[in-house]
PDB file of N, CA and C in Angstrom:
ATOM      1  N   LYS A   1       4.466 -32.632 -41.788  1.00  0.00           N
ATOM      2  CA  LYS A   1       4.886 -31.782 -40.680  1.00  0.00           C
ATOM      3  C   LYS A   1       4.225 -32.254 -39.383  1.00  0.00           C
ATOM      4  N   ALA A   2       4.982 -32.187 -38.314  1.00  0.00           N
ATOM      5  CA  ALA A   2       4.438 -32.532 -36.998  1.00  0.00           C
ATOM      6  C   ALA A   2       3.961 -31.259 -36.311  1.00  0.00           C
ATOM      7  N   ASP A   3       2.882 -31.389 -35.600  1.00  0.00           N
ATOM      8  CA  ASP A   3       2.400 -30.239 -34.826  1.00  0.00           C
ATOM      9  C   ASP A   3       3.238 -30.111 -33.561  1.00  0.00           C
ATOM     10  N   LEU A   4       3.630 -28.897 -33.254  1.00  0.00           N
ATOM     11  CA  LEU A   4       4.412 -28.632 -32.049  1.00  0.00           C
ATOM     12  C   LEU A   4       3.478 -28.091 -30.982  1.00  0.00           C
ATOM     13  N   LYS A   5       3.434 -28.736 -29.851  1.00  0.00           N
ATOM     14  CA  LYS A   5       2.587 -28.281 -28.745  1.00  0.00           C
ATOM     15  C   LYS A   5       3.478 -27.906 -27.572  1.00  0.00           C
ATOM     16  N   LEU A   6       3.210 -26.761 -27.014  1.00  0.00           N
ATOM     17  CA  LEU A   6       3.963 -26.314 -25.848  1.00  0.00           C
ATOM     18  C   LEU A   6       3.183 -26.656 -24.596  1.00  0.00           C
ATOM     19  N   CYS A   7       3.875 -27.196 -23.645  1.00  0.00           N
ATOM     20  CA  CYS A   7       3.259 -27.556 -22.372  1.00  0.00           C
ATOM     21  C   CYS A   7       3.807 -26.644 -21.283  1.00  0.00           C
ATOM     22  N   CYS A   8       2.935 -26.063 -20.559  1.00  0.00           N
ATOM     23  CA  CYS A   8       3.373 -25.236 -19.436  1.00  0.00           C
ATOM     24  C   CYS A   8       2.860 -25.866 -18.154  1.00  0.00           C
ATOM     25  N   PRO A   9       3.710 -25.905 -17.131  1.00  0.00           N
ATOM     26  CA  PRO A   9       3.214 -26.443 -15.860  1.00  0.00           C
ATOM     27  C   PRO A   9       2.099 -25.548 -15.325  1.00  0.00           C
ATOM     28  N   PHE A  10       1.125 -26.160 -14.697  1.00  0.00           N
ATOM     29  CA  PHE A  10       0.003 -25.416 -14.129  1.00  0.00           C
ATOM     30  C   PHE A  10       0.517 -24.488 -13.030  1.00  0.00           C
ATOM     31  N   HIS A  11       0.161 -23.216 -13.145  1.00  0.00           N
ATOM     32  CA  HIS A  11       0.599 -22.231 -12.156  1.00  0.00           C
ATOM     33  C   HIS A  11      -0.628 -21.647 -11.478  1.00  0.00           C
ATOM     34  N   GLU A  12      -0.740 -21.890 -10.198  1.00  0.00           N
ATOM     35  CA  GLU A  12      -1.894 -21.388  -9.451  1.00  0.00           C
ATOM     36  C   GLU A  12      -1.489 -20.126  -8.708  1.00  0.00           C
ATOM     37  N   GLU A  13      -2.261 -19.075  -8.896  1.00  0.00           N
ATOM     38  CA  GLU A  13      -1.992 -17.823  -8.192  1.00  0.00           C
ATOM     39  C   GLU A  13      -2.261 -18.011  -6.699  1.00  0.00           C
ATOM     40  N   ALA A  14      -1.387 -17.479  -5.901  1.00  0.00           N
ATOM     41  CA  ALA A  14      -1.609 -17.530  -4.453  1.00  0.00           C
ATOM     42  C   ALA A  14      -2.808 -16.655  -4.111  1.00  0.00           C
ATOM     43  N   ALA A  15      -3.588 -17.084  -3.146  1.00  0.00           N
ATOM     44  CA  ALA A  15      -4.752 -16.305  -2.734  1.00  0.00           C
ATOM     45  C   ALA A  15      -4.286 -14.961  -2.186  1.00  0.00           C
ATOM     46  N   ALA A  16      -4.991 -13.921  -2.531  1.00  0.00           N
ATOM     47  CA  ALA A  16      -4.635 -12.578  -2.071  1.00  0.00           C
ATOM     48  C   ALA A  16      -4.916 -12.451  -0.581  1.00  0.00           C
ATOM     49  N   ALA A  17      -4.100 -11.658   0.085  1.00  0.00           N
ATOM     50  CA  ALA A  17      -4.306 -11.413   1.515  1.00  0.00           C
ATOM     51  C   ALA A  17      -5.573 -10.585   1.720  1.00  0.00           C
ATOM     52  N   THR A  18      -6.276 -10.871   2.786  1.00  0.00           N
ATOM     53  CA  THR A  18      -7.437 -10.075   3.167  1.00  0.00           C
ATOM     54  C   THR A  18      -7.276  -9.652   4.623  1.00  0.00           C
ATOM     55  N   ILE A  19      -8.038  -8.656   5.023  1.00  0.00           N
ATOM     56  CA  ILE A  19      -7.962  -8.111   6.381  1.00  0.00           C
ATOM     57  C   ILE A  19      -8.915  -8.905   7.266  1.00  0.00           C
ATOM     58  N   VAL A  20      -8.376  -9.506   8.337  1.00  0.00           N
ATOM     59  CA  VAL A  20      -9.222 -10.272   9.253  1.00  0.00           C
ATOM     60  C   VAL A  20      -9.457  -9.538  10.569  1.00  0.00           C
ATOM     61  N   GLU A  21      -8.622  -8.558  10.861  1.00  0.00           N
ATOM     62  CA  GLU A  21      -8.821  -7.729  12.057  1.00  0.00           C
ATOM     63  C   GLU A  21      -8.581  -6.290  11.633  1.00  0.00           C
ATOM     64  N   GLY A  22      -9.660  -5.513  11.576  1.00  0.00           N
ATOM     65  CA  GLY A  22      -9.588  -4.155  11.052  1.00  0.00           C
ATOM     66  C   GLY A  22      -9.089  -3.137  12.059  1.00  0.00           C
ATOM     67  N   LEU A  23      -8.929  -1.920  11.575  1.00  0.00           N
ATOM     68  CA  LEU A  23      -8.463  -0.815  12.412  1.00  0.00           C
ATOM     69  C   LEU A  23      -9.527  -0.403  13.414  1.00  0.00           C
ATOM     70  N   ARG A  24      -9.081   0.111  14.538  1.00  0.00           N
ATOM     71  CA  ARG A  24      -9.978   0.666  15.552  1.00  0.00           C
ATOM     72  C   ARG A  24      -9.662   2.143  15.716  1.00  0.00           C
ATOM     73  N   ASP A  25     -10.686   2.920  16.049  1.00  0.00           N
ATOM     74  CA  ASP A  25     -10.478   4.346  16.306  1.00  0.00           C
ATOM     75  C   ASP A  25      -9.537   4.518  17.493  1.00  0.00           C
ATOM     76  N   VAL A  26      -8.669   5.518  17.407  1.00  0.00           N
ATOM     77  CA  VAL A  26      -7.701   5.787  18.468  1.00  0.00           C
ATOM     78  C   VAL A  26      -7.887   7.223  18.931  1.00  0.00           C
ATOM     79  N   ALA A  27      -8.028   7.412  20.245  1.00  0.00           N
ATOM     80  CA  ALA A  27      -8.109   8.754  20.818  1.00  0.00           C
ATOM     81  C   ALA A  27      -6.775   9.055  21.485  1.00  0.00           C
ATOM     82  N   THR A  28      -6.205  10.199  21.166  1.00  0.00           N
ATOM     83  CA  THR A  28      -4.922  10.575  21.750  1.00  0.00           C
ATOM     84  C   THR A  28      -4.861  12.084  21.908  1.00  0.00           C
ATOM     85  N   HIS A  29      -3.895  12.562  22.655  1.00  0.00           N
ATOM     86  CA  HIS A  29      -3.710  13.999  22.854  1.00  0.00           C
ATOM     87  C   HIS A  29      -2.564  14.485  21.985  1.00  0.00           C
ATOM     88  N   GLU A  30      -2.586  15.771  21.695  1.00  0.00           N
ATOM     89  CA  GLU A  30      -1.516  16.368  20.899  1.00  0.00           C
ATOM     90  C   GLU A  30      -0.169  16.116  21.585  1.00  0.00           C
ATOM     91  N   GLY A  31       0.821  15.705  20.796  1.00  0.00           N
ATOM     92  CA  GLY A  31       2.146  15.414  21.324  1.00  0.00           C
ATOM     93  C   GLY A  31       2.368  13.958  21.683  1.00  0.00           C
ATOM     94  N   GLU A  32       1.292  13.166  21.740  1.00  0.00           N
ATOM     95  CA  GLU A  32       1.409  11.739  22.041  1.00  0.00           C
ATOM     96  C   GLU A  32       1.485  10.939  20.744  1.00  0.00           C
ATOM     97  N   ASP A  33       1.841   9.652  20.872  1.00  0.00           N
ATOM     98  CA  ASP A  33       1.867   8.748  19.724  1.00  0.00           C
ATOM     99  C   ASP A  33       0.498   8.088  19.574  1.00  0.00           C
ATOM    100  N   ALA A  34       0.102   7.841  18.332  1.00  0.00           N
ATOM    101  CA  ALA A  34      -1.132   7.109  18.041  1.00  0.00           C
ATOM    102  C   ALA A  34      -0.742   5.811  17.340  1.00  0.00           C
ATOM    103  N   VAL A  35      -1.267   4.684  17.829  1.00  0.00           N
ATOM    104  CA  VAL A  35      -0.903   3.374  17.294  1.00  0.00           C
ATOM    105  C   VAL A  35      -2.132   2.723  16.658  1.00  0.00           C
ATOM    106  N   PHE A  36      -1.977   2.310  15.406  1.00  0.00           N
ATOM    107  CA  PHE A  36      -3.035   1.620  14.662  1.00  0.00           C
ATOM    108  C   PHE A  36      -2.519   0.245  14.251  1.00  0.00           C
ATOM    109  N   GLU A  37      -3.385  -0.761  14.344  1.00  0.00           N
ATOM    110  CA  GLU A  37      -2.982  -2.124  13.982  1.00  0.00           C
ATOM    111  C   GLU A  37      -4.098  -2.818  13.228  1.00  0.00           C
ATOM    112  N   CYS A  38      -3.689  -3.694  12.318  1.00  0.00           N
ATOM    113  CA  CYS A  38      -4.648  -4.604  11.696  1.00  0.00           C
ATOM    114  C   CYS A  38      -3.926  -5.905  11.387  1.00  0.00           C
ATOM    115  N   ARG A  39      -4.713  -6.947  11.131  1.00  0.00           N
ATOM    116  CA  ARG A  39      -4.137  -8.272  10.900  1.00  0.00           C
ATOM    117  C   ARG A  39      -4.674  -8.830   9.594  1.00  0.00           C
ATOM    118  N   LEU A  40      -3.788  -9.476   8.843  1.00  0.00           N
ATOM    119  CA  LEU A  40      -4.136 -10.052   7.548  1.00  0.00           C
ATOM    120  C   LEU A  40      -4.240 -11.571   7.636  1.00  0.00           C
ATOM    121  N   THR A  41      -4.767 -12.179   6.579  1.00  0.00           N
ATOM    122  CA  THR A  41      -4.893 -13.637   6.528  1.00  0.00           C
ATOM    123  C   THR A  41      -3.570 -14.316   6.279  1.00  0.00           C
ATOM    124  N   GLN A  42      -2.594 -13.590   5.712  1.00  0.00           N
ATOM    125  CA  GLN A  42      -1.303 -14.207   5.401  1.00  0.00           C
ATOM    126  C   GLN A  42      -0.189 -13.174   5.454  1.00  0.00           C
ATOM    127  N   GLU A  43       1.033 -13.679   5.554  1.00  0.00           N
ATOM    128  CA  GLU A  43       2.208 -12.821   5.596  1.00  0.00           C
ATOM    129  C   GLU A  43       2.597 -12.381   4.184  1.00  0.00           C
ATOM    130  N   ALA A  44       3.559 -11.476   4.143  1.00  0.00           N
ATOM    131  CA  ALA A  44       4.200 -11.063   2.891  1.00  0.00           C
ATOM    132  C   ALA A  44       3.235 -10.442   1.892  1.00  0.00           C
ATOM    133  N   ALA A  45       2.357  -9.587   2.355  1.00  0.00           N
ATOM    134  CA  ALA A  45       1.480  -8.851   1.442  1.00  0.00           C
ATOM    135  C   ALA A  45       2.259  -7.651   0.906  1.00  0.00           C
ATOM    136  N   GLN A  46       2.712  -7.751  -0.327  1.00  0.00           N
ATOM    137  CA  GLN A  46       3.579  -6.721  -0.916  1.00  0.00           C
ATOM    138  C   GLN A  46       2.835  -5.427  -1.204  1.00  0.00           C
ATOM    139  N   ASP A  47       1.526  -5.513  -1.425  1.00  0.00           N
ATOM    140  CA  ASP A  47       0.775  -4.328  -1.827  1.00  0.00           C
ATOM    141  C   ASP A  47       0.082  -3.637  -0.659  1.00  0.00           C
ATOM    142  N   ALA A  48       0.516  -3.887   0.572  1.00  0.00           N
ATOM    143  CA  ALA A  48      -0.080  -3.254   1.741  1.00  0.00           C
ATOM    144  C   ALA A  48       0.371  -1.791   1.815  1.00  0.00           C
ATOM    145  N   GLN A  49      -0.576  -0.884   2.140  1.00  0.00           N
ATOM    146  CA  GLN A  49      -0.257   0.548   2.176  1.00  0.00           C
ATOM    147  C   GLN A  49      -1.103   1.248   3.240  1.00  0.00           C
ATOM    148  N   TRP A  50      -0.453   2.097   4.029  1.00  0.00           N
ATOM    149  CA  TRP A  50      -1.127   2.947   5.015  1.00  0.00           C
ATOM    150  C   TRP A  50      -1.388   4.315   4.401  1.00  0.00           C
ATOM    151  N   PHE A  51      -2.502   4.955   4.834  1.00  0.00           N
ATOM    152  CA  PHE A  51      -2.856   6.293   4.361  1.00  0.00           C
ATOM    153  C   PHE A  51      -3.304   7.149   5.536  1.00  0.00           C
ATOM    154  N   LEU A  52      -2.998   8.443   5.467  1.00  0.00           N
ATOM    155  CA  LEU A  52      -3.587   9.443   6.362  1.00  0.00           C
ATOM    156  C   LEU A  52      -4.386  10.346   5.443  1.00  0.00           C
ATOM    157  N   GLY A  53      -5.720  10.265   5.548  1.00  0.00           N
ATOM    158  CA  GLY A  53      -6.569  10.909   4.543  1.00  0.00           C
ATOM    159  C   GLY A  53      -6.323  10.194   3.222  1.00  0.00           C
ATOM    160  N   ASP A  54      -5.970  10.962   2.184  1.00  0.00           N
ATOM    161  CA  ASP A  54      -5.675  10.370   0.875  1.00  0.00           C
ATOM    162  C   ASP A  54      -4.178  10.232   0.632  1.00  0.00           C
ATOM    163  N   VAL A  55      -3.359  10.574   1.638  1.00  0.00           N
ATOM    164  CA  VAL A  55      -1.909  10.607   1.460  1.00  0.00           C
ATOM    165  C   VAL A  55      -1.282   9.273   1.871  1.00  0.00           C
ATOM    166  N   PRO A  56      -0.594   8.591   0.932  1.00  0.00           N
ATOM    167  CA  PRO A  56       0.093   7.350   1.310  1.00  0.00           C
ATOM    168  C   PRO A  56       1.244   7.647   2.268  1.00  0.00           C
ATOM    169  N   LEU A  57       1.409   6.807   3.281  1.00  0.00           N
ATOM    170  CA  LEU A  57       2.443   7.025   4.288  1.00  0.00           C
ATOM    171  C   LEU A  57       3.628   6.098   4.063  1.00  0.00           C
ATOM    172  N   GLN A  58       4.805   6.581   4.429  1.00  0.00           N
ATOM    173  CA  GLN A  58       6.019   5.778   4.405  1.00  0.00           C
ATOM    174  C   GLN A  58       6.662   5.870   5.777  1.00  0.00           C
ATOM    175  N   SER A  59       7.456   4.871   6.114  1.00  0.00           N
ATOM    176  CA  SER A  59       8.153   4.867   7.394  1.00  0.00           C
ATOM    177  C   SER A  59       9.220   5.959   7.388  1.00  0.00           C
ATOM    178  N   ASN A  60       9.163   6.849   8.382  1.00  0.00           N
ATOM    179  CA  ASN A  60      10.159   7.921   8.535  1.00  0.00           C
ATOM    180  C   ASN A  60      10.177   8.337  10.003  1.00  0.00           C
ATOM    181  N   GLU A  61      10.740   9.503  10.304  1.00  0.00           N
ATOM    182  CA  GLU A  61      10.854   9.909  11.712  1.00  0.00           C
ATOM    183  C   GLU A  61       9.496  10.225  12.341  1.00  0.00           C
ATOM    184  N   MET A  62       8.475  10.495  11.527  1.00  0.00           N
ATOM    185  CA  MET A  62       7.153  10.818  12.069  1.00  0.00           C
ATOM    186  C   MET A  62       6.165   9.648  11.998  1.00  0.00           C
ATOM    187  N   ASN A  63       6.412   8.700  11.102  1.00  0.00           N
ATOM    188  CA  ASN A  63       5.525   7.544  10.930  1.00  0.00           C
ATOM    189  C   ASN A  63       6.359   6.271  10.986  1.00  0.00           C
ATOM    190  N   GLU A  64       6.033   5.404  11.910  1.00  0.00           N
ATOM    191  CA  GLU A  64       6.740   4.118  11.966  1.00  0.00           C
ATOM    192  C   GLU A  64       5.787   3.027  11.489  1.00  0.00           C
ATOM    193  N   ILE A  65       6.187   2.332  10.438  1.00  0.00           N
ATOM    194  CA  ILE A  65       5.386   1.247   9.889  1.00  0.00           C
ATOM    195  C   ILE A  65       6.102  -0.064  10.204  1.00  0.00           C
ATOM    196  N   ARG A  66       5.373  -0.977  10.837  1.00  0.00           N
ATOM    197  CA  ARG A  66       5.949  -2.271  11.225  1.00  0.00           C
ATOM    198  C   ARG A  66       5.129  -3.404  10.641  1.00  0.00           C
ATOM    199  N   VAL A  67       5.815  -4.494  10.337  1.00  0.00           N
ATOM    200  CA  VAL A  67       5.150  -5.725   9.917  1.00  0.00           C
ATOM    201  C   VAL A  67       5.743  -6.856  10.751  1.00  0.00           C
ATOM    202  N   GLN A  68       4.881  -7.534  11.511  1.00  0.00           N
ATOM    203  CA  GLN A  68       5.300  -8.671  12.318  1.00  0.00           C
ATOM    204  C   GLN A  68       4.374  -9.828  11.982  1.00  0.00           C
ATOM    205  N   GLY A  69       4.839 -10.696  11.069  1.00  0.00           N
ATOM    206  CA  GLY A  69       3.991 -11.795  10.617  1.00  0.00           C
ATOM    207  C   GLY A  69       2.796 -11.249   9.852  1.00  0.00           C
ATOM    208  N   THR A  70       1.597 -11.532  10.347  1.00  0.00           N
ATOM    209  CA  THR A  70       0.381 -11.055   9.678  1.00  0.00           C
ATOM    210  C   THR A  70      -0.110  -9.726  10.259  1.00  0.00           C
ATOM    211  N   ARG A  71       0.556  -9.236  11.314  1.00  0.00           N
ATOM    212  CA  ARG A  71       0.131  -7.992  11.963  1.00  0.00           C
ATOM    213  C   ARG A  71       0.890  -6.798  11.375  1.00  0.00           C
ATOM    214  N   HIS A  72       0.112  -5.799  10.933  1.00  0.00           N
ATOM    215  CA  HIS A  72       0.674  -4.565  10.387  1.00  0.00           C
ATOM    216  C   HIS A  72       0.344  -3.423  11.341  1.00  0.00           C
ATOM    217  N   SER A  73       1.352  -2.613  11.678  1.00  0.00           N
ATOM    218  CA  SER A  73       1.168  -1.523  12.635  1.00  0.00           C
ATOM    219  C   SER A  73       1.651  -0.211  12.051  1.00  0.00           C
ATOM    220  N   LEU A  74       0.961   0.850  12.431  1.00  0.00           N
ATOM    221  CA  LEU A  74       1.363   2.213  12.092  1.00  0.00           C
ATOM    222  C   LEU A  74       1.421   2.999  13.386  1.00  0.00           C
ATOM    223  N   ILE A  75       2.558   3.651  13.644  1.00  0.00           N
ATOM    224  CA  ILE A  75       2.688   4.534  14.801  1.00  0.00           C
ATOM    225  C   ILE A  75       2.904   5.938  14.276  1.00  0.00           C
ATOM    226  N   LEU A  76       1.949   6.829  14.554  1.00  0.00           N
ATOM    227  CA  LEU A  76       2.100   8.247  14.212  1.00  0.00           C
ATOM    228  C   LEU A  76       2.737   8.909  15.424  1.00  0.00           C
ATOM    229  N   ARG A  77       3.952   9.396  15.270  1.00  0.00           N
ATOM    230  CA  ARG A  77       4.716   9.977  16.374  1.00  0.00           C
ATOM    231  C   ARG A  77       4.298  11.410  16.657  1.00  0.00           C
ATOM    232  N   LYS A  78       4.128  11.718  17.939  1.00  0.00           N
ATOM    233  CA  LYS A  78       3.863  13.086  18.406  1.00  0.00           C
ATOM    234  C   LYS A  78       2.842  13.794  17.533  1.00  0.00           C
ATOM    235  N   VAL A  79       1.616  13.263  17.550  1.00  0.00           N
ATOM    236  CA  VAL A  79       0.570  13.782  16.678  1.00  0.00           C
ATOM    237  C   VAL A  79       0.268  15.247  16.964  1.00  0.00           C
ATOM    238  N   THR A  80      -0.121  15.941  15.919  1.00  0.00           N
ATOM    239  CA  THR A  80      -0.537  17.346  16.012  1.00  0.00           C
ATOM    240  C   THR A  80      -1.973  17.439  15.506  1.00  0.00           C
ATOM    241  N   LEU A  81      -2.566  18.611  15.615  1.00  0.00           N
ATOM    242  CA  LEU A  81      -3.923  18.801  15.121  1.00  0.00           C
ATOM    243  C   LEU A  81      -4.005  18.543  13.622  1.00  0.00           C
ATOM    244  N   GLU A  82      -2.907  18.794  12.899  1.00  0.00           N
ATOM    245  CA  GLU A  82      -2.883  18.553  11.451  1.00  0.00           C
ATOM    246  C   GLU A  82      -2.981  17.055  11.125  1.00  0.00           C
ATOM    247  N   ASP A  83      -2.636  16.203  12.100  1.00  0.00           N
ATOM    248  CA  ASP A  83      -2.700  14.754  11.875  1.00  0.00           C
ATOM    249  C   ASP A  83      -4.119  14.207  12.034  1.00  0.00           C
ATOM    250  N   CYS A  84      -5.039  15.061  12.531  1.00  0.00           N
ATOM    251  CA  CYS A  84      -6.418  14.611  12.704  1.00  0.00           C
ATOM    252  C   CYS A  84      -6.990  14.218  11.357  1.00  0.00           C
ATOM    253  N   GLY A  85      -7.672  13.109  11.318  1.00  0.00           N
ATOM    254  CA  GLY A  85      -8.279  12.665  10.070  1.00  0.00           C
ATOM    255  C   GLY A  85      -8.373  11.161  10.039  1.00  0.00           C
ATOM    256  N   SER A  86      -8.744  10.664   8.901  1.00  0.00           N
ATOM    257  CA  SER A  86      -8.961   9.239   8.729  1.00  0.00           C
ATOM    258  C   SER A  86      -7.654   8.520   8.409  1.00  0.00           C
ATOM    259  N   VAL A  87      -7.377   7.474   9.167  1.00  0.00           N
ATOM    260  CA  VAL A  87      -6.243   6.591   8.879  1.00  0.00           C
ATOM    261  C   VAL A  87      -6.827   5.345   8.242  1.00  0.00           C
ATOM    262  N   SER A  88      -6.219   4.884   7.157  1.00  0.00           N
ATOM    263  CA  SER A  88      -6.710   3.676   6.514  1.00  0.00           C
ATOM    264  C   SER A  88      -5.551   2.783   6.101  1.00  0.00           C
ATOM    265  N   PHE A  89      -5.876   1.520   5.950  1.00  0.00           N
ATOM    266  CA  PHE A  89      -4.914   0.501   5.541  1.00  0.00           C
ATOM    267  C   PHE A  89      -5.540  -0.256   4.389  1.00  0.00           C
ATOM    268  N   LYS A  90      -4.790  -0.392   3.302  1.00  0.00           N
ATOM    269  CA  LYS A  90      -5.308  -1.068   2.114  1.00  0.00           C
ATOM    270  C   LYS A  90      -4.364  -2.188   1.719  1.00  0.00           C
ATOM    271  N   VAL A  91      -4.934  -3.329   1.393  1.00  0.00           N
ATOM    272  CA  VAL A  91      -4.169  -4.439   0.837  1.00  0.00           C
ATOM    273  C   VAL A  91      -5.011  -5.021  -0.293  1.00  0.00           C
ATOM    274  N   GLY A  92      -4.467  -5.022  -1.492  1.00  0.00           N
ATOM    275  CA  GLY A  92      -5.238  -5.459  -2.650  1.00  0.00           C
ATOM    276  C   GLY A  92      -6.475  -4.597  -2.800  1.00  0.00           C
ATOM    277  N   GLN A  93      -7.637  -5.232  -2.848  1.00  0.00           N
ATOM    278  CA  GLN A  93      -8.906  -4.507  -2.968  1.00  0.00           C
ATOM    279  C   GLN A  93      -9.582  -4.307  -1.613  1.00  0.00           C
ATOM    280  N   HIS A  94      -8.900  -4.668  -0.522  1.00  0.00           N
ATOM    281  CA  HIS A  94      -9.496  -4.606   0.809  1.00  0.00           C
ATOM    282  C   HIS A  94      -9.019  -3.372   1.559  1.00  0.00           C
ATOM    283  N   LEU A  95      -9.944  -2.728   2.290  1.00  0.00           N
ATOM    284  CA  LEU A  95      -9.631  -1.483   2.983  1.00  0.00           C
ATOM    285  C   LEU A  95     -10.241  -1.515   4.381  1.00  0.00           C
ATOM    286  N   SER A  96      -9.471  -1.006   5.347  1.00  0.00           N
ATOM    287  CA  SER A  96      -9.977  -0.808   6.699  1.00  0.00           C
ATOM    288  C   SER A  96      -9.631   0.626   7.081  1.00  0.00           C
ATOM    289  N   ALA A  97     -10.555   1.324   7.750  1.00  0.00           N
ATOM    290  CA  ALA A  97     -10.328   2.726   8.117  1.00  0.00           C
ATOM    291  C   ALA A  97     -10.741   2.979   9.550  1.00  0.00           C
ATOM    292  N   ALA A  98     -10.076   3.981  10.163  1.00  0.00           N
ATOM    293  CA  ALA A  98     -10.426   4.409  11.525  1.00  0.00           C
ATOM    294  C   ALA A  98     -10.420   5.924  11.555  1.00  0.00           C
TER     295      ALA A  98
END
């Protein structure tokens, strides 16, 4: 009997994106928009997520989430006192908060 050996091409995992420019605190008045931005080491980070407190955010009429290359932006529209709190951005195991 001949031994059968399977050969698989070497597959290298792409390096995970990391945060190179973190969030900054934003001061705004009730009824105004608050804009948060951060920048990653690479584009197309599929696991990027914005949070307000512990609540994950999605793009809708009150929250606009944008991705332009490596720059990720969150716009909280017409903030209220209930929106006060910590905003954070997570990608992989990396986190930035304001």
